[in-house]
N, C-alpha and C. Protein backbone atom coordinates (compact mmCIF):
# COMPACT_ATOMS: atom_id res chain seq x y z
N MET A 1 78.61 119.78 69.35
CA MET A 1 78.96 120.22 70.68
C MET A 1 78.55 119.19 71.74
N LYS A 2 77.36 118.60 71.54
CA LYS A 2 76.89 117.59 72.45
C LYS A 2 77.81 116.37 72.45
N VAL A 3 78.27 115.97 71.27
CA VAL A 3 79.15 114.82 71.14
C VAL A 3 80.46 115.06 71.87
N THR A 4 80.99 116.29 71.77
CA THR A 4 82.24 116.63 72.44
C THR A 4 82.08 116.54 73.95
N ARG A 5 80.94 117.02 74.48
CA ARG A 5 80.70 116.94 75.91
C ARG A 5 80.58 115.50 76.39
N VAL A 6 79.87 114.66 75.65
CA VAL A 6 79.72 113.27 76.02
C VAL A 6 81.09 112.57 75.98
N PHE A 7 81.86 112.87 74.94
CA PHE A 7 83.19 112.28 74.80
C PHE A 7 84.09 112.72 75.95
N SER A 8 84.03 114.00 76.31
CA SER A 8 84.84 114.53 77.42
C SER A 8 84.42 113.90 78.74
N LEU A 9 83.12 113.73 78.93
CA LEU A 9 82.62 113.11 80.14
C LEU A 9 83.08 111.64 80.22
N ALA A 10 83.05 110.94 79.09
CA ALA A 10 83.51 109.55 79.05
C ALA A 10 85.00 109.47 79.39
N LEU A 11 85.81 110.37 78.86
CA LEU A 11 87.23 110.40 79.18
C LEU A 11 87.46 110.67 80.66
N LEU A 12 86.67 111.55 81.24
CA LEU A 12 86.79 111.87 82.66
C LEU A 12 86.47 110.63 83.50
N VAL A 13 85.41 109.92 83.14
CA VAL A 13 85.04 108.70 83.87
C VAL A 13 86.16 107.67 83.77
N ILE A 14 86.74 107.49 82.59
CA ILE A 14 87.84 106.54 82.41
C ILE A 14 89.05 106.97 83.23
N ALA A 15 89.37 108.25 83.23
CA ALA A 15 90.51 108.76 84.00
C ALA A 15 90.31 108.54 85.49
N LEU A 16 89.09 108.81 85.99
CA LEU A 16 88.81 108.60 87.41
C LEU A 16 88.88 107.13 87.77
N ALA A 17 88.36 106.26 86.92
CA ALA A 17 88.41 104.82 87.18
C ALA A 17 89.86 104.34 87.21
N SER A 18 90.67 104.83 86.29
CA SER A 18 92.09 104.44 86.27
C SER A 18 92.81 104.92 87.51
N ALA A 19 92.54 106.16 87.91
CA ALA A 19 93.20 106.72 89.09
C ALA A 19 92.81 105.96 90.35
N SER A 20 91.52 105.62 90.48
CA SER A 20 91.11 104.91 91.69
C SER A 20 91.61 103.48 91.69
N SER A 21 91.68 102.83 90.53
CA SER A 21 92.18 101.45 90.51
C SER A 21 93.68 101.42 90.77
N ALA A 22 94.40 102.47 90.44
CA ALA A 22 95.84 102.52 90.71
C ALA A 22 96.11 102.56 92.21
N LYS A 23 95.14 103.03 92.99
CA LYS A 23 95.31 103.13 94.43
C LYS A 23 94.93 101.84 95.15
N ILE A 24 94.27 100.92 94.44
CA ILE A 24 93.85 99.67 95.05
C ILE A 24 95.07 98.77 95.23
N LYS A 25 95.24 98.29 96.44
CA LYS A 25 96.36 97.42 96.76
C LYS A 25 95.91 95.97 96.57
N VAL A 26 96.45 95.30 95.55
CA VAL A 26 96.13 93.91 95.30
C VAL A 26 96.91 93.06 96.31
N GLN A 27 96.18 92.25 97.04
CA GLN A 27 96.79 91.45 98.09
C GLN A 27 96.63 89.96 97.82
N LEU A 28 97.60 89.21 98.26
CA LEU A 28 97.58 87.76 98.16
C LEU A 28 97.67 87.21 99.58
N LYS A 29 96.73 86.36 99.94
CA LYS A 29 96.72 85.79 101.29
C LYS A 29 97.23 84.36 101.26
N VAL A 30 98.18 84.07 102.14
CA VAL A 30 98.79 82.74 102.23
C VAL A 30 98.42 82.13 103.57
N GLN A 31 97.85 80.94 103.55
CA GLN A 31 97.51 80.21 104.77
C GLN A 31 98.73 79.42 105.22
N LEU A 32 99.13 79.60 106.46
CA LEU A 32 100.27 78.88 107.01
C LEU A 32 99.77 77.75 107.91
N LYS A 33 100.30 76.53 107.67
CA LYS A 33 99.87 75.36 108.45
C LYS A 33 101.08 74.66 109.05
N ASP A 34 100.84 74.01 110.19
CA ASP A 34 101.91 73.25 110.83
C ASP A 34 101.93 71.81 110.27
N ALA A 35 102.82 70.98 110.80
CA ALA A 35 103.00 69.62 110.29
C ALA A 35 101.77 68.73 110.47
N GLN A 36 100.89 69.09 111.39
CA GLN A 36 99.65 68.33 111.61
C GLN A 36 98.50 68.86 110.74
N GLY A 37 98.77 69.89 109.94
CA GLY A 37 97.73 70.45 109.08
C GLY A 37 96.89 71.52 109.73
N ASN A 38 97.26 71.91 110.95
CA ASN A 38 96.51 72.96 111.66
C ASN A 38 96.95 74.33 111.18
N SER A 39 96.00 75.23 111.05
CA SER A 39 96.33 76.60 110.68
C SER A 39 97.08 77.26 111.82
N VAL A 40 98.19 77.92 111.49
CA VAL A 40 98.95 78.68 112.50
C VAL A 40 98.98 80.16 112.15
N GLY A 41 98.26 80.54 111.08
CA GLY A 41 98.18 81.96 110.76
C GLY A 41 98.17 82.23 109.27
N THR A 42 98.40 83.51 108.96
CA THR A 42 98.37 83.95 107.57
C THR A 42 99.49 84.94 107.30
N ALA A 43 99.81 85.03 106.03
CA ALA A 43 100.70 86.08 105.54
C ALA A 43 99.96 86.75 104.39
N VAL A 44 99.96 88.06 104.39
CA VAL A 44 99.34 88.82 103.31
C VAL A 44 100.47 89.53 102.58
N LEU A 45 100.55 89.30 101.26
CA LEU A 45 101.61 89.86 100.43
C LEU A 45 101.01 90.85 99.45
N TRP A 46 101.74 91.93 99.16
CA TRP A 46 101.33 92.87 98.14
C TRP A 46 102.56 93.52 97.53
N ALA A 47 102.40 93.95 96.26
CA ALA A 47 103.50 94.63 95.57
C ALA A 47 103.77 95.96 96.24
N SER A 48 105.04 96.28 96.43
CA SER A 48 105.46 97.53 97.05
C SER A 48 106.87 97.83 96.56
N ALA A 49 106.95 98.63 95.51
CA ALA A 49 108.23 98.89 94.84
C ALA A 49 109.27 99.44 95.80
N PRO A 50 110.47 98.93 95.77
CA PRO A 50 110.83 97.74 95.00
C PRO A 50 110.44 96.48 95.76
N GLY A 51 109.98 95.48 95.04
CA GLY A 51 109.68 94.19 95.66
C GLY A 51 108.27 94.06 96.18
N ILE A 52 108.17 93.43 97.36
CA ILE A 52 106.87 93.18 97.99
C ILE A 52 106.95 93.51 99.48
N LYS A 53 105.79 93.71 100.06
CA LYS A 53 105.67 93.77 101.52
C LYS A 53 104.84 92.59 101.95
N MET A 54 105.05 92.17 103.19
CA MET A 54 104.35 91.02 103.73
C MET A 54 104.00 91.29 105.19
N LYS A 55 102.71 91.09 105.52
CA LYS A 55 102.25 91.20 106.91
C LYS A 55 101.91 89.80 107.38
N VAL A 56 102.54 89.39 108.47
CA VAL A 56 102.37 88.03 108.98
C VAL A 56 101.74 88.07 110.36
N ASP A 57 100.73 87.23 110.55
CA ASP A 57 100.08 87.05 111.84
C ASP A 57 100.04 85.56 112.11
N VAL A 58 100.76 85.11 113.15
CA VAL A 58 100.82 83.69 113.47
C VAL A 58 100.50 83.45 114.93
N GLU A 59 100.10 82.20 115.21
CA GLU A 59 99.79 81.77 116.58
C GLU A 59 100.17 80.30 116.73
N ASN A 60 100.22 79.87 117.97
CA ASN A 60 100.52 78.47 118.29
C ASN A 60 101.88 78.02 117.76
N LEU A 61 102.86 78.91 117.78
CA LEU A 61 104.23 78.57 117.42
C LEU A 61 105.11 78.62 118.67
N PRO A 62 106.24 77.92 118.66
CA PRO A 62 107.14 77.96 119.83
C PRO A 62 107.72 79.37 120.00
N PRO A 63 107.75 79.88 121.22
CA PRO A 63 108.34 81.20 121.45
C PRO A 63 109.82 81.23 121.05
N GLY A 64 110.27 82.41 120.67
CA GLY A 64 111.68 82.59 120.31
C GLY A 64 111.82 83.17 118.92
N VAL A 65 113.07 83.22 118.47
CA VAL A 65 113.41 83.80 117.17
C VAL A 65 113.35 82.71 116.10
N HIS A 66 112.71 83.05 114.98
CA HIS A 66 112.52 82.09 113.89
C HIS A 66 112.90 82.72 112.55
N ALA A 67 113.32 81.84 111.63
CA ALA A 67 113.57 82.25 110.25
C ALA A 67 112.28 82.10 109.45
N ILE A 68 112.15 82.93 108.42
CA ILE A 68 111.04 82.82 107.48
C ILE A 68 111.61 83.08 106.08
N HIS A 69 111.41 82.11 105.19
CA HIS A 69 111.99 82.19 103.85
C HIS A 69 110.95 81.87 102.78
N PHE A 70 111.20 82.39 101.59
CA PHE A 70 110.46 81.94 100.41
C PHE A 70 111.23 80.77 99.83
N HIS A 71 110.55 79.66 99.58
CA HIS A 71 111.16 78.46 99.02
C HIS A 71 110.70 78.26 97.58
N GLN A 72 111.46 77.48 96.82
CA GLN A 72 111.32 77.41 95.37
C GLN A 72 110.11 76.65 94.82
N ASN A 73 109.47 75.79 95.61
CA ASN A 73 108.35 75.00 95.10
C ASN A 73 107.05 75.33 95.82
N ALA A 74 105.96 75.29 95.08
CA ALA A 74 104.63 75.56 95.64
C ALA A 74 104.06 74.27 96.23
N LYS A 75 104.80 73.69 97.18
CA LYS A 75 104.38 72.45 97.83
C LYS A 75 104.68 72.53 99.31
N CYS A 76 103.76 72.03 100.11
CA CYS A 76 103.94 72.01 101.56
C CYS A 76 103.49 70.66 102.10
N ASP A 77 104.17 69.61 101.68
CA ASP A 77 103.81 68.28 102.14
C ASP A 77 104.37 68.04 103.54
N ALA A 78 103.45 67.73 104.48
CA ALA A 78 103.83 67.43 105.86
C ALA A 78 104.46 66.04 105.89
N PRO A 79 105.23 65.70 106.90
CA PRO A 79 105.41 66.50 108.11
C PRO A 79 106.61 67.44 108.07
N ASP A 80 107.52 67.28 107.07
CA ASP A 80 108.76 68.06 107.12
C ASP A 80 108.83 69.23 106.14
N PHE A 81 107.86 69.34 105.25
CA PHE A 81 107.78 70.42 104.26
C PHE A 81 109.00 70.49 103.33
N LYS A 82 109.75 69.39 103.23
CA LYS A 82 110.90 69.38 102.33
C LYS A 82 110.49 69.48 100.87
N SER A 83 109.22 69.20 100.60
CA SER A 83 108.71 69.33 99.22
C SER A 83 108.78 70.77 98.72
N ALA A 84 108.91 71.73 99.63
CA ALA A 84 109.04 73.14 99.25
C ALA A 84 110.39 73.43 98.59
N GLY A 85 111.33 72.48 98.68
CA GLY A 85 112.64 72.66 98.07
C GLY A 85 113.50 73.64 98.82
N GLY A 86 114.55 74.08 98.15
CA GLY A 86 115.47 75.06 98.74
C GLY A 86 114.90 76.47 98.67
N HIS A 87 115.68 77.41 99.13
CA HIS A 87 115.25 78.81 99.10
C HIS A 87 115.08 79.28 97.66
N PHE A 88 114.13 80.18 97.45
CA PHE A 88 113.92 80.79 96.15
C PHE A 88 115.18 81.59 95.81
N ASN A 89 115.85 81.24 94.72
CA ASN A 89 117.17 81.78 94.45
C ASN A 89 117.42 81.88 92.94
N PRO A 90 116.67 82.76 92.24
CA PRO A 90 116.78 82.82 90.78
C PRO A 90 118.15 83.24 90.25
N GLU A 91 119.00 83.84 91.07
CA GLU A 91 120.32 84.28 90.62
C GLU A 91 121.44 83.37 91.11
N ASN A 92 121.09 82.25 91.73
CA ASN A 92 122.08 81.29 92.23
C ASN A 92 123.15 81.94 93.11
N LYS A 93 122.70 82.75 94.05
CA LYS A 93 123.61 83.40 94.99
C LYS A 93 123.79 82.55 96.23
N LYS A 94 124.66 82.97 97.12
CA LYS A 94 124.88 82.32 98.40
C LYS A 94 123.74 82.69 99.34
N HIS A 95 123.68 82.04 100.51
CA HIS A 95 122.63 82.32 101.48
C HIS A 95 123.02 83.43 102.46
N GLY A 96 122.02 84.17 102.90
CA GLY A 96 122.17 85.06 104.04
C GLY A 96 122.21 86.53 103.70
N LEU A 97 121.37 87.29 104.39
CA LEU A 97 121.31 88.74 104.17
C LEU A 97 122.63 89.42 104.51
N GLU A 98 123.48 88.77 105.31
CA GLU A 98 124.78 89.34 105.68
C GLU A 98 125.93 88.76 104.85
N ASN A 99 125.61 87.96 103.84
CA ASN A 99 126.64 87.34 103.02
C ASN A 99 127.23 88.37 102.06
N PRO A 100 128.55 88.59 102.08
CA PRO A 100 129.15 89.60 101.20
C PRO A 100 129.04 89.25 99.71
N GLU A 101 128.74 87.98 99.39
CA GLU A 101 128.59 87.57 97.99
C GLU A 101 127.15 87.69 97.51
N GLY A 102 126.31 88.32 98.29
CA GLY A 102 124.90 88.43 97.94
C GLY A 102 124.09 87.40 98.68
N HIS A 103 122.79 87.37 98.44
CA HIS A 103 121.91 86.46 99.18
C HIS A 103 120.81 85.94 98.27
N HIS A 104 120.15 84.88 98.73
CA HIS A 104 119.00 84.34 98.01
C HIS A 104 117.89 85.39 97.98
N ALA A 105 117.15 85.44 96.91
CA ALA A 105 115.99 86.34 96.84
C ALA A 105 114.98 85.98 97.92
N GLY A 106 114.92 84.71 98.30
CA GLY A 106 113.95 84.25 99.30
C GLY A 106 114.36 84.45 100.74
N ASP A 107 115.54 85.02 100.99
CA ASP A 107 115.98 85.28 102.37
C ASP A 107 115.24 86.48 102.94
N ASN A 108 114.85 86.38 104.20
CA ASN A 108 114.15 87.45 104.91
C ASN A 108 114.74 87.61 106.30
N PRO A 109 114.47 88.75 106.94
CA PRO A 109 114.91 88.90 108.34
C PRO A 109 114.19 87.91 109.25
N ASN A 110 114.80 87.60 110.38
CA ASN A 110 114.16 86.76 111.40
C ASN A 110 113.02 87.52 112.06
N PHE A 111 112.18 86.79 112.77
CA PHE A 111 111.11 87.41 113.56
C PHE A 111 111.02 86.69 114.89
N THR A 112 110.36 87.32 115.86
CA THR A 112 110.26 86.77 117.21
C THR A 112 108.83 86.42 117.55
N VAL A 113 108.64 85.20 118.03
CA VAL A 113 107.35 84.75 118.53
C VAL A 113 107.32 85.03 120.03
N ASP A 114 106.26 85.68 120.48
CA ASP A 114 106.11 86.03 121.89
C ASP A 114 105.87 84.78 122.75
N PRO A 115 106.02 84.92 124.09
CA PRO A 115 105.80 83.77 124.99
C PRO A 115 104.41 83.13 124.84
N ASP A 116 103.42 83.89 124.36
CA ASP A 116 102.08 83.33 124.17
C ASP A 116 101.92 82.61 122.84
N GLY A 117 103.01 82.49 122.07
CA GLY A 117 102.97 81.75 120.80
C GLY A 117 102.53 82.55 119.60
N THR A 118 102.41 83.88 119.77
CA THR A 118 101.96 84.71 118.65
C THR A 118 103.06 85.65 118.16
N ALA A 119 102.90 86.07 116.93
CA ALA A 119 103.77 87.10 116.35
C ALA A 119 102.97 87.85 115.30
N HIS A 120 103.21 89.13 115.23
CA HIS A 120 102.57 90.01 114.26
C HIS A 120 103.66 90.95 113.76
N PHE A 121 103.98 90.85 112.47
CA PHE A 121 105.07 91.68 111.95
C PHE A 121 104.87 91.92 110.47
N GLU A 122 105.62 92.91 109.98
CA GLU A 122 105.60 93.26 108.56
C GLU A 122 107.04 93.41 108.08
N ILE A 123 107.32 92.88 106.91
CA ILE A 123 108.66 93.04 106.33
C ILE A 123 108.53 93.42 104.86
N GLN A 124 109.61 93.94 104.32
CA GLN A 124 109.69 94.17 102.88
C GLN A 124 110.84 93.34 102.33
N ASN A 125 110.57 92.68 101.21
CA ASN A 125 111.61 91.94 100.51
C ASN A 125 111.76 92.61 99.15
N LYS A 126 112.90 93.24 98.92
CA LYS A 126 113.14 94.00 97.69
C LYS A 126 113.59 93.11 96.53
N ASP A 127 113.78 91.82 96.79
CA ASP A 127 114.35 90.91 95.79
C ASP A 127 113.34 90.00 95.11
N VAL A 128 112.07 90.06 95.53
CA VAL A 128 111.04 89.24 94.90
C VAL A 128 109.90 90.14 94.42
N THR A 129 109.11 89.61 93.48
CA THR A 129 107.97 90.38 92.96
C THR A 129 106.73 89.48 92.91
N LEU A 130 105.62 90.09 92.55
CA LEU A 130 104.39 89.34 92.29
C LEU A 130 104.04 89.48 90.81
N GLY A 131 105.05 89.70 89.98
CA GLY A 131 104.84 89.92 88.55
C GLY A 131 105.04 88.66 87.73
N ASP A 132 105.59 88.87 86.52
CA ASP A 132 105.82 87.77 85.59
C ASP A 132 107.30 87.55 85.31
N ASP A 133 108.17 88.19 86.06
CA ASP A 133 109.62 88.11 85.81
C ASP A 133 110.24 86.93 86.56
N SER A 134 111.55 86.77 86.39
CA SER A 134 112.25 85.64 87.01
C SER A 134 112.29 85.72 88.54
N HIS A 135 112.04 86.89 89.10
CA HIS A 135 112.04 87.06 90.56
C HIS A 135 110.64 86.98 91.15
N SER A 136 109.68 86.61 90.32
CA SER A 136 108.29 86.52 90.78
C SER A 136 108.10 85.30 91.67
N LEU A 137 107.35 85.50 92.74
CA LEU A 137 107.01 84.38 93.62
C LEU A 137 106.06 83.40 92.92
N PHE A 138 105.58 83.77 91.73
CA PHE A 138 104.74 82.87 90.93
C PHE A 138 105.56 82.07 89.92
N SER A 139 106.88 82.29 89.89
CA SER A 139 107.74 81.55 88.97
C SER A 139 107.59 80.06 89.20
N ASN A 140 107.76 79.29 88.13
CA ASN A 140 107.76 77.83 88.24
C ASN A 140 106.47 77.29 88.84
N GLY A 141 105.35 77.99 88.63
CA GLY A 141 104.08 77.53 89.17
C GLY A 141 103.82 77.94 90.59
N GLY A 142 104.70 78.74 91.17
CA GLY A 142 104.52 79.24 92.53
C GLY A 142 105.69 78.88 93.44
N THR A 143 105.60 79.35 94.65
CA THR A 143 106.64 79.13 95.65
C THR A 143 105.95 78.80 96.99
N ALA A 144 106.72 78.74 98.05
CA ALA A 144 106.15 78.48 99.38
C ALA A 144 106.80 79.42 100.39
N LEU A 145 106.06 79.74 101.41
CA LEU A 145 106.56 80.52 102.54
C LEU A 145 106.75 79.54 103.70
N VAL A 146 107.97 79.47 104.21
CA VAL A 146 108.30 78.48 105.24
C VAL A 146 108.83 79.17 106.49
N ILE A 147 108.31 78.75 107.64
CA ILE A 147 108.81 79.20 108.94
C ILE A 147 109.65 78.06 109.52
N HIS A 148 110.83 78.41 110.03
CA HIS A 148 111.78 77.43 110.57
C HIS A 148 111.76 77.45 112.10
N ALA A 149 112.26 76.37 112.68
CA ALA A 149 112.27 76.20 114.14
C ALA A 149 113.21 77.17 114.85
N LYS A 150 114.26 77.59 114.17
CA LYS A 150 115.27 78.44 114.81
C LYS A 150 115.51 79.70 113.97
N ALA A 151 116.35 80.55 114.50
CA ALA A 151 116.74 81.77 113.79
C ALA A 151 117.69 81.44 112.66
N ASP A 152 117.69 82.26 111.65
CA ASP A 152 118.64 82.19 110.54
C ASP A 152 119.87 82.98 110.96
N ASP A 153 121.06 82.39 110.83
CA ASP A 153 122.28 83.12 111.20
C ASP A 153 122.68 84.13 110.12
N GLN A 154 121.94 84.19 109.03
CA GLN A 154 122.08 85.16 107.94
C GLN A 154 123.39 85.07 107.17
N LYS A 155 124.11 83.93 107.29
CA LYS A 155 125.34 83.83 106.51
C LYS A 155 125.73 82.42 106.09
N THR A 156 125.30 81.38 106.83
CA THR A 156 125.72 80.02 106.51
C THR A 156 124.92 79.46 105.34
N ASP A 157 125.64 78.98 104.32
CA ASP A 157 125.01 78.40 103.15
C ASP A 157 124.68 76.94 103.45
N PRO A 158 123.57 76.33 103.07
CA PRO A 158 122.58 76.92 102.17
C PRO A 158 121.36 77.54 102.87
N ALA A 159 121.19 77.33 104.19
CA ALA A 159 119.94 77.77 104.82
C ALA A 159 120.10 78.48 106.15
N GLY A 160 121.28 78.89 106.52
CA GLY A 160 121.46 79.69 107.73
C GLY A 160 121.30 78.95 109.04
N ASN A 161 121.42 77.61 109.02
CA ASN A 161 121.27 76.82 110.25
C ASN A 161 119.95 77.11 110.96
N ALA A 162 118.90 77.29 110.17
CA ALA A 162 117.60 77.68 110.72
C ALA A 162 116.78 76.52 111.27
N GLY A 163 117.26 75.32 111.11
CA GLY A 163 116.57 74.18 111.71
C GLY A 163 115.39 73.68 110.89
N ASP A 164 114.59 72.84 111.55
CA ASP A 164 113.45 72.20 110.89
C ASP A 164 112.44 73.22 110.37
N ARG A 165 111.67 72.77 109.41
CA ARG A 165 110.58 73.58 108.86
C ARG A 165 109.32 73.26 109.67
N ILE A 166 108.77 74.27 110.35
CA ILE A 166 107.65 74.01 111.27
C ILE A 166 106.31 74.53 110.77
N ALA A 167 106.30 75.35 109.74
CA ALA A 167 105.05 75.83 109.15
C ALA A 167 105.30 76.17 107.70
N CYS A 168 104.25 76.05 106.88
CA CYS A 168 104.43 76.25 105.45
C CYS A 168 103.11 76.72 104.84
N GLY A 169 103.23 77.56 103.81
CA GLY A 169 102.06 78.01 103.05
C GLY A 169 102.42 78.17 101.58
N VAL A 170 101.53 77.74 100.71
CA VAL A 170 101.76 77.77 99.27
C VAL A 170 101.41 79.14 98.70
N ILE A 171 102.26 79.63 97.80
CA ILE A 171 102.05 80.93 97.14
C ILE A 171 101.81 80.66 95.65
N THR A 172 100.58 80.83 95.20
CA THR A 172 100.23 80.68 93.80
C THR A 172 99.25 81.78 93.40
N LYS A 173 99.10 81.95 92.09
CA LYS A 173 98.15 82.98 91.59
C LYS A 173 96.74 82.55 91.87
């Protein structure tokens, strides 16, 4: 009888530990830097079915509407961040959230930087994951998060006429 009680208590402890760990939100923090290597903010990513959610806090950026994309390489070599490659696009689709032929997994909505150079926003991207699949932002050794100088027109291939890359952060495990 004593063994059964100890065994039941052990199972209860395991069940409680599993339940509490299931509620823990695993987050990944990405440091965003400008072409001079100065920090301009952070993005925090976490799994949120379907896909991921991302909370971005930036400063010292030009006011106005900007594009933000996931790019295919985990590289952010200044000054132009072209080392990040093209948009993350595991299905080889066309660019733009408004493209009738589909869009890159790395395409995201635009965001607005306030006149004081700051922006604080949250988005969900249903097309990428933080797992081990082909849509994982950890694919190919990681990816990059890139902020562009202008807004994405959400339809022009390959990058929505979003202009220069003005900030970049590497996404790796």
